[in-house]
């Protein structure tokens, strides 16, 4: 059992990223009350993601600056953009290396590569398609052309990701 399983949190922790980086699509950035253990609650800036299996994270200044440098000064403009979340063992807390979560902007094709091999709901598939200018009708027609008769999140998510990557190569994100 890992620490994150023994002491589950509602927030993304560095332990959640020990198996490697994940790409996530920004759903919202907001200020909200966060429990701070024995100290009650504090208002923190948080980032939530479209992918249901990625917990929201508390957004520190360093990570804010990295996203801002790539996607602009206004956090409302970040919605729908992709970030990569990873564990950086070099993160300092005070004078000690404790490790922590870092954000980077994926190189190359940010759309369609998030959570490859994991189920992709129809809502998330449609959201990804609309991010690259593809309507629901065009996505359905493209899936039919790929030989799919219906949509299964567990089987067809990677097909959608492949389609989105191909469209993204033609229409930059």
C-alpha atoms as a PDB file:
ATOM      1  CA  UNK A   1       0.000   0.000   0.000  1.00  0.00           C
ATOM      2  CA  UNK A   2       1.267   3.448  -0.884  1.00  0.00           C
ATOM      3  CA  UNK A   3       0.959   6.546   1.264  1.00  0.00           C
ATOM      4  CA  UNK A   4      -1.629   7.997  -1.150  1.00  0.00           C
ATOM      5  CA  UNK A   5      -3.756   4.862  -0.612  1.00  0.00           C
ATOM      6  CA  UNK A   6      -3.295   4.805   3.155  1.00  0.00           C
ATOM      7  CA  UNK A   7      -4.021   8.523   3.524  1.00  0.00           C
ATOM      8  CA  UNK A   8      -6.146   9.531   0.515  1.00  0.00           C
ATOM      9  CA  UNK A   9      -6.466  13.195  -0.313  1.00  0.00           C
ATOM     10  CA  UNK A  10      -8.873  15.184  -2.445  1.00  0.00           C
ATOM     11  CA  UNK A  11      -5.861  17.007  -3.916  1.00  0.00           C
ATOM     12  CA  UNK A  12      -3.140  15.842  -6.269  1.00  0.00           C
ATOM     13  CA  UNK A  13       0.037  14.926  -4.383  1.00  0.00           C
ATOM     14  CA  UNK A  14       3.566  14.156  -5.556  1.00  0.00           C
ATOM     15  CA  UNK A  15       2.955  10.496  -4.676  1.00  0.00           C
ATOM     16  CA  UNK A  16       0.212  10.388  -7.310  1.00  0.00           C
ATOM     17  CA  UNK A  17       2.888  11.051  -9.934  1.00  0.00           C
ATOM     18  CA  UNK A  18       5.600   8.584  -8.863  1.00  0.00           C
ATOM     19  CA  UNK A  19       4.752   6.260 -11.762  1.00  0.00           C
ATOM     20  CA  UNK A  20       5.395   9.000 -14.292  1.00  0.00           C
ATOM     21  CA  UNK A  21       4.043  12.242 -15.684  1.00  0.00           C
ATOM     22  CA  UNK A  22       0.444  12.653 -16.819  1.00  0.00           C
ATOM     23  CA  UNK A  23      -1.083  15.109 -19.238  1.00  0.00           C
ATOM     24  CA  UNK A  24      -4.235  16.881 -18.162  1.00  0.00           C
ATOM     25  CA  UNK A  25      -6.634  19.370 -19.721  1.00  0.00           C
ATOM     26  CA  UNK A  26      -7.355  22.447 -17.614  1.00  0.00           C
ATOM     27  CA  UNK A  27     -11.049  22.734 -16.732  1.00  0.00           C
ATOM     28  CA  UNK A  28     -10.892  25.639 -14.255  1.00  0.00           C
ATOM     29  CA  UNK A  29      -8.635  27.771 -12.098  1.00  0.00           C
ATOM     30  CA  UNK A  30     -10.224  29.271  -9.010  1.00  0.00           C
ATOM     31  CA  UNK A  31      -9.762  30.377  -5.412  1.00  0.00           C
ATOM     32  CA  UNK A  32     -11.371  28.086  -2.870  1.00  0.00           C
ATOM     33  CA  UNK A  33     -11.285  27.053   0.758  1.00  0.00           C
ATOM     34  CA  UNK A  34      -8.859  24.206   1.386  1.00  0.00           C
ATOM     35  CA  UNK A  35      -8.461  22.274   4.625  1.00  0.00           C
ATOM     36  CA  UNK A  36      -5.057  22.901   6.169  1.00  0.00           C
ATOM     37  CA  UNK A  37      -5.040  20.129   8.754  1.00  0.00           C
ATOM     38  CA  UNK A  38      -5.095  21.349  12.323  1.00  0.00           C
ATOM     39  CA  UNK A  39      -5.189  24.972  11.177  1.00  0.00           C
ATOM     40  CA  UNK A  40      -8.733  24.968   9.792  1.00  0.00           C
ATOM     41  CA  UNK A  41      -9.064  26.198   6.232  1.00  0.00           C
ATOM     42  CA  UNK A  42      -7.163  28.551   3.956  1.00  0.00           C
ATOM     43  CA  UNK A  43      -8.085  30.125   0.657  1.00  0.00           C
ATOM     44  CA  UNK A  44      -5.837  28.703  -2.084  1.00  0.00           C
ATOM     45  CA  UNK A  45      -5.671  28.859  -5.855  1.00  0.00           C
ATOM     46  CA  UNK A  46      -6.618  25.512  -7.377  1.00  0.00           C
ATOM     47  CA  UNK A  47      -6.554  23.963 -10.832  1.00  0.00           C
ATOM     48  CA  UNK A  48      -9.155  21.375 -11.836  1.00  0.00           C
ATOM     49  CA  UNK A  49      -8.912  19.076 -14.839  1.00  0.00           C
ATOM     50  CA  UNK A  50     -11.369  17.640 -17.356  1.00  0.00           C
ATOM     51  CA  UNK A  51     -10.027  14.125 -16.853  1.00  0.00           C
ATOM     52  CA  UNK A  52     -12.113  12.655 -14.057  1.00  0.00           C
ATOM     53  CA  UNK A  53      -9.320  10.403 -12.759  1.00  0.00           C
ATOM     54  CA  UNK A  54      -6.891  13.279 -12.128  1.00  0.00           C
ATOM     55  CA  UNK A  55      -7.398  15.041  -8.816  1.00  0.00           C
ATOM     56  CA  UNK A  56      -7.388  18.836  -8.728  1.00  0.00           C
ATOM     57  CA  UNK A  57      -4.162  20.451  -7.567  1.00  0.00           C
ATOM     58  CA  UNK A  58      -3.291  23.388  -5.388  1.00  0.00           C
ATOM     59  CA  UNK A  59      -1.509  25.779  -7.747  1.00  0.00           C
ATOM     60  CA  UNK A  60       1.629  27.339  -6.293  1.00  0.00           C
ATOM     61  CA  UNK A  61       3.371  30.436  -7.708  1.00  0.00           C
ATOM     62  CA  UNK A  62       6.083  28.489  -9.574  1.00  0.00           C
ATOM     63  CA  UNK A  63       3.541  26.343 -11.393  1.00  0.00           C
ATOM     64  CA  UNK A  64       1.324  29.383 -12.027  1.00  0.00           C
ATOM     65  CA  UNK A  65       4.277  31.159 -13.654  1.00  0.00           C
ATOM     66  CA  UNK A  66       4.999  28.197 -15.924  1.00  0.00           C
ATOM     67  CA  UNK A  67       1.414  28.000 -17.185  1.00  0.00           C
ATOM     68  CA  UNK A  68       1.162  31.774 -17.499  1.00  0.00           C
ATOM     69  CA  UNK A  69       4.348  31.926 -19.614  1.00  0.00           C
ATOM     70  CA  UNK A  70       2.841  29.447 -22.087  1.00  0.00           C
ATOM     71  CA  UNK A  71      -0.847  30.355 -22.123  1.00  0.00           C
ATOM     72  CA  UNK A  72      -1.079  34.015 -21.099  1.00  0.00           C
ATOM     73  CA  UNK A  73      -1.729  36.282 -18.142  1.00  0.00           C
ATOM     74  CA  UNK A  74      -5.448  35.514 -17.755  1.00  0.00           C
ATOM     75  CA  UNK A  75      -6.194  32.114 -16.227  1.00  0.00           C
ATOM     76  CA  UNK A  76      -9.608  32.051 -17.961  1.00  0.00           C
ATOM     77  CA  UNK A  77      -7.655  31.699 -21.223  1.00  0.00           C
ATOM     78  CA  UNK A  78      -6.042  28.474 -19.940  1.00  0.00           C
ATOM     79  CA  UNK A  79      -9.308  26.507 -20.023  1.00  0.00           C
ATOM     80  CA  UNK A  80      -8.966  23.640 -22.491  1.00  0.00           C
ATOM     81  CA  UNK A  81      -5.164  23.872 -22.609  1.00  0.00           C
ATOM     82  CA  UNK A  82      -3.037  20.844 -21.791  1.00  0.00           C
ATOM     83  CA  UNK A  83      -0.360  20.673 -19.098  1.00  0.00           C
ATOM     84  CA  UNK A  84       1.918  17.860 -18.031  1.00  0.00           C
ATOM     85  CA  UNK A  85       2.093  17.138 -14.304  1.00  0.00           C
ATOM     86  CA  UNK A  86       5.161  15.391 -12.914  1.00  0.00           C
ATOM     87  CA  UNK A  87       7.022  14.679  -9.699  1.00  0.00           C
ATOM     88  CA  UNK A  88      10.203  16.724  -9.314  1.00  0.00           C
ATOM     89  CA  UNK A  89      12.399  15.377  -6.476  1.00  0.00           C
ATOM     90  CA  UNK A  90      14.397  18.651  -6.469  1.00  0.00           C
ATOM     91  CA  UNK A  91      11.543  20.825  -5.152  1.00  0.00           C
ATOM     92  CA  UNK A  92      12.606  22.583  -1.973  1.00  0.00           C
ATOM     93  CA  UNK A  93      10.437  23.271   1.056  1.00  0.00           C
ATOM     94  CA  UNK A  94      12.319  25.783   3.160  1.00  0.00           C
ATOM     95  CA  UNK A  95      15.907  24.526   3.201  1.00  0.00           C
ATOM     96  CA  UNK A  96      15.037  20.885   2.577  1.00  0.00           C
ATOM     97  CA  UNK A  97      14.531  18.946  -0.629  1.00  0.00           C
ATOM     98  CA  UNK A  98      11.087  17.426  -0.227  1.00  0.00           C
ATOM     99  CA  UNK A  99      10.055  16.912  -3.832  1.00  0.00           C
ATOM    100  CA  UNK A 100       6.785  18.129  -5.246  1.00  0.00           C
ATOM    101  CA  UNK A 101       4.515  18.551  -8.228  1.00  0.00           C
ATOM    102  CA  UNK A 102       5.701  20.554 -11.192  1.00  0.00           C
ATOM    103  CA  UNK A 103       3.856  21.639 -14.308  1.00  0.00           C
ATOM    104  CA  UNK A 104       5.323  21.819 -17.786  1.00  0.00           C
ATOM    105  CA  UNK A 105       3.848  22.424 -21.183  1.00  0.00           C
ATOM    106  CA  UNK A 106       4.033  19.334 -23.389  1.00  0.00           C
ATOM    107  CA  UNK A 107       6.172  19.637 -26.512  1.00  0.00           C
ATOM    108  CA  UNK A 108       4.670  18.785 -29.847  1.00  0.00           C
ATOM    109  CA  UNK A 109       1.062  17.705 -29.811  1.00  0.00           C
ATOM    110  CA  UNK A 110      -0.692  18.732 -26.585  1.00  0.00           C
ATOM    111  CA  UNK A 111      -4.155  17.616 -27.655  1.00  0.00           C
ATOM    112  CA  UNK A 112      -5.092  13.959 -27.736  1.00  0.00           C
ATOM    113  CA  UNK A 113      -2.122  12.509 -25.896  1.00  0.00           C
ATOM    114  CA  UNK A 114      -3.497  12.798 -22.364  1.00  0.00           C
ATOM    115  CA  UNK A 115      -3.954   9.491 -20.567  1.00  0.00           C
ATOM    116  CA  UNK A 116      -3.240   7.249 -23.556  1.00  0.00           C
ATOM    117  CA  UNK A 117      -4.571   3.751 -22.935  1.00  0.00           C
ATOM    118  CA  UNK A 118      -7.113   4.898 -20.348  1.00  0.00           C
ATOM    119  CA  UNK A 119     -10.885   5.108 -20.897  1.00  0.00           C
ATOM    120  CA  UNK A 120     -12.074   8.319 -22.514  1.00  0.00           C
ATOM    121  CA  UNK A 121     -15.701   9.253 -21.961  1.00  0.00           C
ATOM    122  CA  UNK A 122     -17.730  10.423 -24.935  1.00  0.00           C
ATOM    123  CA  UNK A 123     -17.998  13.867 -23.289  1.00  0.00           C
ATOM    124  CA  UNK A 124     -14.193  14.107 -23.003  1.00  0.00           C
ATOM    125  CA  UNK A 125     -13.756  12.813 -26.570  1.00  0.00           C
ATOM    126  CA  UNK A 126     -16.198  15.420 -27.861  1.00  0.00           C
ATOM    127  CA  UNK A 127     -14.513  18.138 -25.807  1.00  0.00           C
ATOM    128  CA  UNK A 128     -11.114  17.223 -27.265  1.00  0.00           C
ATOM    129  CA  UNK A 129     -12.576  17.251 -30.773  1.00  0.00           C
ATOM    130  CA  UNK A 130     -14.159  20.673 -30.346  1.00  0.00           C
ATOM    131  CA  UNK A 131     -10.799  22.008 -29.055  1.00  0.00           C
ATOM    132  CA  UNK A 132      -9.382  21.385 -32.538  1.00  0.00           C
ATOM    133  CA  UNK A 133     -12.476  22.658 -34.351  1.00  0.00           C
ATOM    134  CA  UNK A 134     -14.146  19.320 -35.047  1.00  0.00           C
ATOM    135  CA  UNK A 135     -17.930  19.117 -34.665  1.00  0.00           C
ATOM    136  CA  UNK A 136     -19.718  16.170 -33.086  1.00  0.00           C
ATOM    137  CA  UNK A 137     -21.059  15.149 -36.507  1.00  0.00           C
ATOM    138  CA  UNK A 138     -17.572  15.175 -38.060  1.00  0.00           C
ATOM    139  CA  UNK A 139     -16.175  13.171 -35.128  1.00  0.00           C
ATOM    140  CA  UNK A 140     -18.956  10.579 -35.497  1.00  0.00           C
ATOM    141  CA  UNK A 141     -18.396  10.357 -39.265  1.00  0.00           C
ATOM    142  CA  UNK A 142     -14.636   9.968 -38.744  1.00  0.00           C
ATOM    143  CA  UNK A 143     -15.187   7.194 -36.189  1.00  0.00           C
ATOM    144  CA  UNK A 144     -17.524   5.419 -38.646  1.00  0.00           C
ATOM    145  CA  UNK A 145     -14.831   5.734 -41.335  1.00  0.00           C
ATOM    146  CA  UNK A 146     -12.439   4.060 -38.857  1.00  0.00           C
ATOM    147  CA  UNK A 147     -14.864   1.123 -38.715  1.00  0.00           C
ATOM    148  CA  UNK A 148     -16.470   1.873 -35.340  1.00  0.00           C
ATOM    149  CA  UNK A 149     -20.201   1.250 -35.079  1.00  0.00           C
ATOM    150  CA  UNK A 150     -20.616   2.737 -31.608  1.00  0.00           C
ATOM    151  CA  UNK A 151     -18.386   4.283 -28.999  1.00  0.00           C
ATOM    152  CA  UNK A 152     -16.800   2.402 -26.101  1.00  0.00           C
ATOM    153  CA  UNK A 153     -14.702   4.505 -23.666  1.00  0.00           C
ATOM    154  CA  UNK A 154     -12.445   1.559 -22.830  1.00  0.00           C
ATOM    155  CA  UNK A 155     -11.872   0.416 -26.426  1.00  0.00           C
ATOM    156  CA  UNK A 156     -12.130   3.522 -28.575  1.00  0.00           C
ATOM    157  CA  UNK A 157     -10.450   6.283 -26.558  1.00  0.00           C
ATOM    158  CA  UNK A 158      -7.098   5.770 -28.263  1.00  0.00           C
ATOM    159  CA  UNK A 159      -8.791   5.893 -31.691  1.00  0.00           C
ATOM    160  CA  UNK A 160     -10.206   9.315 -30.775  1.00  0.00           C
ATOM    161  CA  UNK A 161      -6.794  10.428 -29.506  1.00  0.00           C
ATOM    162  CA  UNK A 162      -5.203   9.350 -32.816  1.00  0.00           C
ATOM    163  CA  UNK A 163      -7.825  11.271 -34.806  1.00  0.00           C
ATOM    164  CA  UNK A 164      -7.320  14.384 -32.669  1.00  0.00           C
ATOM    165  CA  UNK A 165      -3.524  14.186 -33.091  1.00  0.00           C
ATOM    166  CA  UNK A 166      -3.933  13.918 -36.876  1.00  0.00           C
ATOM    167  CA  UNK A 167      -6.276  16.930 -36.945  1.00  0.00           C
ATOM    168  CA  UNK A 168      -3.940  18.792 -34.600  1.00  0.00           C
ATOM    169  CA  UNK A 169      -1.073  18.321 -37.067  1.00  0.00           C
ATOM    170  CA  UNK A 170      -3.161  20.126 -39.691  1.00  0.00           C
ATOM    171  CA  UNK A 171      -4.759  22.737 -37.402  1.00  0.00           C
ATOM    172  CA  UNK A 172      -2.318  23.913 -34.680  1.00  0.00           C
ATOM    173  CA  UNK A 173      -3.761  23.950 -31.173  1.00  0.00           C
END
